[in-house]
Amino acid sequence: MRVNIQQLLLERPELRHYIRQHPNWYRKLSRDPSQIALLEKEANQFYGRTLPQRVEKVQNSLGLVMMMMEMLKMGQATVAGAQGPSQ
């Protein structure tokens, strides 16, 4: 493997980790170092860093927050209903 690619992998541990999990990339990069952009794209997809994946994460988080707020409202209404009117 070329020195510049080895240096890049030392600087970016997430790419090094991805290559260790997908060893076919050693051969691809040794034969064609210009495929580094494709490696980065696949690694970003693998780690969930693409825009659609990030949007989905935010949507899931917002859905969870909304559900928790609804549960809180229902709990407060139940407590208020159980106490009944004061005399």
N, C-alpha and C. Protein backbone atom coordinates (compact mmCIF):
# COMPACT_ATOMS: atom_id res chain seq x y z
N MET A 1 0.85 -1.17 0.00
CA MET A 1 0.00 0.00 0.00
C MET A 1 0.90 1.23 0.00
N ARG A 2 0.47 2.24 -0.70
CA ARG A 2 1.28 3.45 -0.85
C ARG A 2 1.37 4.21 0.47
N VAL A 3 2.46 4.95 0.58
CA VAL A 3 2.74 5.68 1.81
C VAL A 3 1.68 6.74 2.08
N ASN A 4 1.23 7.44 1.04
CA ASN A 4 0.23 8.49 1.26
C ASN A 4 -1.09 7.91 1.76
N ILE A 5 -1.44 6.73 1.31
CA ILE A 5 -2.67 6.08 1.78
C ILE A 5 -2.49 5.60 3.21
N GLN A 6 -1.33 5.06 3.51
CA GLN A 6 -1.05 4.65 4.89
C GLN A 6 -1.12 5.85 5.83
N GLN A 7 -0.58 6.97 5.39
CA GLN A 7 -0.62 8.18 6.21
C GLN A 7 -2.06 8.63 6.44
N LEU A 8 -2.89 8.59 5.39
CA LEU A 8 -4.29 8.97 5.52
C LEU A 8 -4.99 8.07 6.53
N LEU A 9 -4.71 6.78 6.48
CA LEU A 9 -5.34 5.84 7.41
C LEU A 9 -4.87 6.06 8.84
N LEU A 10 -3.64 6.50 9.01
CA LEU A 10 -3.16 6.82 10.36
C LEU A 10 -3.84 8.08 10.89
N GLU A 11 -4.11 9.03 10.00
CA GLU A 11 -4.75 10.28 10.41
C GLU A 11 -6.24 10.11 10.67
N ARG A 12 -6.85 9.13 10.01
CA ARG A 12 -8.30 8.94 10.14
C ARG A 12 -8.59 7.53 10.65
N PRO A 13 -8.63 7.36 11.97
CA PRO A 13 -8.80 6.02 12.55
C PRO A 13 -10.12 5.35 12.16
N GLU A 14 -11.17 6.13 11.87
CA GLU A 14 -12.44 5.49 11.49
C GLU A 14 -12.30 4.79 10.14
N LEU A 15 -11.50 5.37 9.23
CA LEU A 15 -11.27 4.69 7.94
C LEU A 15 -10.43 3.43 8.15
N ARG A 16 -9.45 3.52 9.02
CA ARG A 16 -8.60 2.35 9.31
C ARG A 16 -9.46 1.23 9.90
N HIS A 17 -10.35 1.58 10.80
CA HIS A 17 -11.24 0.59 11.40
C HIS A 17 -12.16 -0.02 10.35
N TYR A 18 -12.67 0.81 9.45
CA TYR A 18 -13.55 0.31 8.40
C TYR A 18 -12.80 -0.66 7.49
N ILE A 19 -11.57 -0.31 7.14
CA ILE A 19 -10.78 -1.19 6.26
C ILE A 19 -10.49 -2.52 6.95
N ARG A 20 -10.27 -2.48 8.25
CA ARG A 20 -10.01 -3.73 8.97
C ARG A 20 -11.25 -4.62 8.97
N GLN A 21 -12.42 -4.01 8.97
CA GLN A 21 -13.65 -4.81 8.93
C GLN A 21 -13.98 -5.27 7.51
N HIS A 22 -13.45 -4.56 6.51
CA HIS A 22 -13.70 -4.89 5.11
C HIS A 22 -12.35 -5.00 4.38
N PRO A 23 -11.66 -6.12 4.54
CA PRO A 23 -10.28 -6.25 4.03
C PRO A 23 -10.13 -6.18 2.51
N ASN A 24 -11.23 -6.31 1.77
CA ASN A 24 -11.10 -6.21 0.31
C ASN A 24 -10.60 -4.83 -0.11
N TRP A 25 -10.76 -3.85 0.78
CA TRP A 25 -10.30 -2.49 0.47
C TRP A 25 -8.78 -2.40 0.43
N TYR A 26 -8.06 -3.25 1.13
CA TYR A 26 -6.60 -3.24 1.03
C TYR A 26 -6.17 -3.47 -0.41
N ARG A 27 -6.77 -4.47 -1.03
CA ARG A 27 -6.43 -4.80 -2.41
C ARG A 27 -6.87 -3.70 -3.37
N LYS A 28 -8.10 -3.19 -3.17
CA LYS A 28 -8.60 -2.13 -4.06
C LYS A 28 -7.70 -0.91 -4.03
N LEU A 29 -7.31 -0.47 -2.83
CA LEU A 29 -6.49 0.73 -2.71
C LEU A 29 -5.06 0.50 -3.17
N SER A 30 -4.56 -0.71 -3.02
CA SER A 30 -3.22 -1.01 -3.51
C SER A 30 -3.18 -0.95 -5.03
N ARG A 31 -4.24 -1.39 -5.66
CA ARG A 31 -4.29 -1.39 -7.13
C ARG A 31 -4.69 -0.04 -7.71
N ASP A 32 -5.58 0.65 -7.02
CA ASP A 32 -6.08 1.93 -7.54
C ASP A 32 -6.29 2.91 -6.39
N PRO A 33 -5.26 3.68 -6.04
CA PRO A 33 -5.39 4.60 -4.90
C PRO A 33 -6.40 5.72 -5.12
N SER A 34 -6.85 5.92 -6.33
CA SER A 34 -7.84 6.98 -6.59
C SER A 34 -9.22 6.60 -6.05
N GLN A 35 -9.38 5.39 -5.58
CA GLN A 35 -10.67 4.95 -5.04
C GLN A 35 -10.85 5.36 -3.57
N ILE A 36 -9.97 6.19 -3.08
CA ILE A 36 -10.08 6.63 -1.68
C ILE A 36 -11.39 7.38 -1.44
N ALA A 37 -11.87 8.12 -2.45
CA ALA A 37 -13.14 8.84 -2.31
C ALA A 37 -14.30 7.84 -2.14
N LEU A 38 -14.24 6.75 -2.89
CA LEU A 38 -15.28 5.72 -2.78
C LEU A 38 -15.22 5.05 -1.40
N LEU A 39 -14.01 4.84 -0.91
CA LEU A 39 -13.84 4.28 0.44
C LEU A 39 -14.47 5.20 1.48
N GLU A 40 -14.21 6.49 1.37
CA GLU A 40 -14.78 7.45 2.33
C GLU A 40 -16.30 7.46 2.25
N LYS A 41 -16.83 7.37 1.04
CA LYS A 41 -18.29 7.36 0.86
C LYS A 41 -18.90 6.12 1.52
N GLU A 42 -18.30 4.96 1.28
CA GLU A 42 -18.81 3.73 1.87
C GLU A 42 -18.67 3.74 3.40
N ALA A 43 -17.57 4.28 3.89
CA ALA A 43 -17.36 4.35 5.34
C ALA A 43 -18.40 5.28 5.98
N ASN A 44 -18.67 6.40 5.34
CA ASN A 44 -19.69 7.32 5.87
C ASN A 44 -21.06 6.65 5.91
N GLN A 45 -21.36 5.88 4.88
CA GLN A 45 -22.63 5.15 4.86
C GLN A 45 -22.66 4.11 5.98
N PHE A 46 -21.55 3.42 6.17
CA PHE A 46 -21.45 2.39 7.20
C PHE A 46 -21.63 2.98 8.60
N TYR A 47 -21.04 4.15 8.84
CA TYR A 47 -21.12 4.79 10.15
C TYR A 47 -22.35 5.68 10.31
N GLY A 48 -23.21 5.76 9.31
CA GLY A 48 -24.44 6.52 9.43
C GLY A 48 -24.25 8.02 9.36
N ARG A 49 -23.33 8.46 8.53
CA ARG A 49 -23.04 9.89 8.45
C ARG A 49 -23.60 10.55 7.19
N THR A 50 -24.39 9.84 6.43
CA THR A 50 -24.98 10.47 5.24
C THR A 50 -26.17 11.31 5.66
N LEU A 51 -26.55 12.25 4.82
CA LEU A 51 -27.64 13.16 5.16
C LEU A 51 -28.96 12.42 5.43
N PRO A 52 -29.37 11.48 4.58
CA PRO A 52 -30.63 10.78 4.89
C PRO A 52 -30.58 10.03 6.22
N GLN A 53 -29.43 9.45 6.55
CA GLN A 53 -29.32 8.73 7.81
C GLN A 53 -29.39 9.68 9.00
N ARG A 54 -28.78 10.85 8.86
CA ARG A 54 -28.84 11.84 9.94
C ARG A 54 -30.25 12.37 10.13
N VAL A 55 -30.94 12.62 9.01
CA VAL A 55 -32.32 13.11 9.10
C VAL A 55 -33.20 12.07 9.78
N GLU A 56 -33.00 10.82 9.43
CA GLU A 56 -33.79 9.74 10.05
C GLU A 56 -33.52 9.67 11.55
N LYS A 57 -32.25 9.85 11.96
CA LYS A 57 -31.92 9.85 13.38
C LYS A 57 -32.63 10.97 14.12
N VAL A 58 -32.64 12.16 13.51
CA VAL A 58 -33.30 13.31 14.13
C VAL A 58 -34.80 13.06 14.23
N GLN A 59 -35.39 12.50 13.18
CA GLN A 59 -36.82 12.19 13.21
C GLN A 59 -37.15 11.19 14.31
N ASN A 60 -36.32 10.18 14.45
CA ASN A 60 -36.55 9.19 15.50
C ASN A 60 -36.45 9.83 16.89
N SER A 61 -35.47 10.70 17.05
CA SER A 61 -35.30 11.37 18.35
C SER A 61 -36.49 12.27 18.65
N LEU A 62 -36.94 13.02 17.65
CA LEU A 62 -38.10 13.89 17.85
C LEU A 62 -39.35 13.07 18.17
N GLY A 63 -39.51 11.96 17.50
CA GLY A 63 -40.65 11.09 17.77
C GLY A 63 -40.63 10.59 19.21
N LEU A 64 -39.44 10.23 19.68
CA LEU A 64 -39.31 9.76 21.06
C LEU A 64 -39.64 10.87 22.04
N VAL A 65 -39.15 12.08 21.77
CA VAL A 65 -39.42 13.22 22.66
C VAL A 65 -40.92 13.51 22.68
N MET A 66 -41.56 13.51 21.53
CA MET A 66 -43.01 13.78 21.47
C MET A 66 -43.79 12.72 22.25
N MET A 67 -43.39 11.46 22.13
CA MET A 67 -44.06 10.39 22.85
C MET A 67 -43.90 10.58 24.37
N MET A 68 -42.70 10.95 24.78
CA MET A 68 -42.47 11.18 26.21
C MET A 68 -43.31 12.35 26.72
N MET A 69 -43.44 13.41 25.93
CA MET A 69 -44.26 14.55 26.33
C MET A 69 -45.72 14.15 26.46
N GLU A 70 -46.21 13.35 25.53
CA GLU A 70 -47.60 12.88 25.61
C GLU A 70 -47.81 12.03 26.86
N MET A 71 -46.84 11.17 27.17
CA MET A 71 -46.96 10.34 28.37
C MET A 71 -46.97 11.21 29.62
N LEU A 72 -46.16 12.24 29.63
CA LEU A 72 -46.13 13.16 30.77
C LEU A 72 -47.47 13.85 30.93
N LYS A 73 -48.04 14.32 29.83
CA LYS A 73 -49.35 15.00 29.88
C LYS A 73 -50.42 14.05 30.40
N MET A 74 -50.39 12.80 29.91
CA MET A 74 -51.39 11.83 30.36
C MET A 74 -51.21 11.54 31.85
N GLY A 75 -49.98 11.47 32.31
CA GLY A 75 -49.73 11.22 33.73
C GLY A 75 -50.21 12.36 34.59
N GLN A 76 -50.01 13.59 34.15
CA GLN A 76 -50.47 14.75 34.91
C GLN A 76 -52.00 14.79 34.94
N ALA A 77 -52.64 14.46 33.82
CA ALA A 77 -54.10 14.46 33.78
C ALA A 77 -54.65 13.38 34.70
N THR A 78 -53.98 12.24 34.76
CA THR A 78 -54.44 11.16 35.62
C THR A 78 -54.33 11.56 37.09
N VAL A 79 -53.22 12.19 37.45
CA VAL A 79 -53.03 12.63 38.84
C VAL A 79 -54.07 13.68 39.21
N ALA A 80 -54.31 14.63 38.31
CA ALA A 80 -55.30 15.68 38.58
C ALA A 80 -56.69 15.08 38.69
N GLY A 81 -57.03 14.09 37.88
CA GLY A 81 -58.33 13.44 37.93
C GLY A 81 -58.51 12.60 39.18
N ALA A 82 -57.46 12.01 39.69
CA ALA A 82 -57.54 11.15 40.87
C ALA A 82 -57.74 11.98 42.14
N GLN A 83 -57.22 13.21 42.15
CA GLN A 83 -57.38 14.05 43.33
C GLN A 83 -58.80 14.57 43.44
N GLY A 84 -59.44 14.70 42.31
CA GLY A 84 -60.83 15.16 42.31
C GLY A 84 -60.96 16.60 42.76
N PRO A 85 -62.21 17.09 42.75
CA PRO A 85 -62.43 18.48 43.17
C PRO A 85 -62.25 18.62 44.68
N SER A 86 -61.62 19.68 45.10
CA SER A 86 -61.43 19.91 46.54
C SER A 86 -62.66 20.58 47.14
N GLN A 87 -62.98 20.18 48.35
CA GLN A 87 -64.14 20.79 49.02
C GLN A 87 -63.73 21.51 50.25
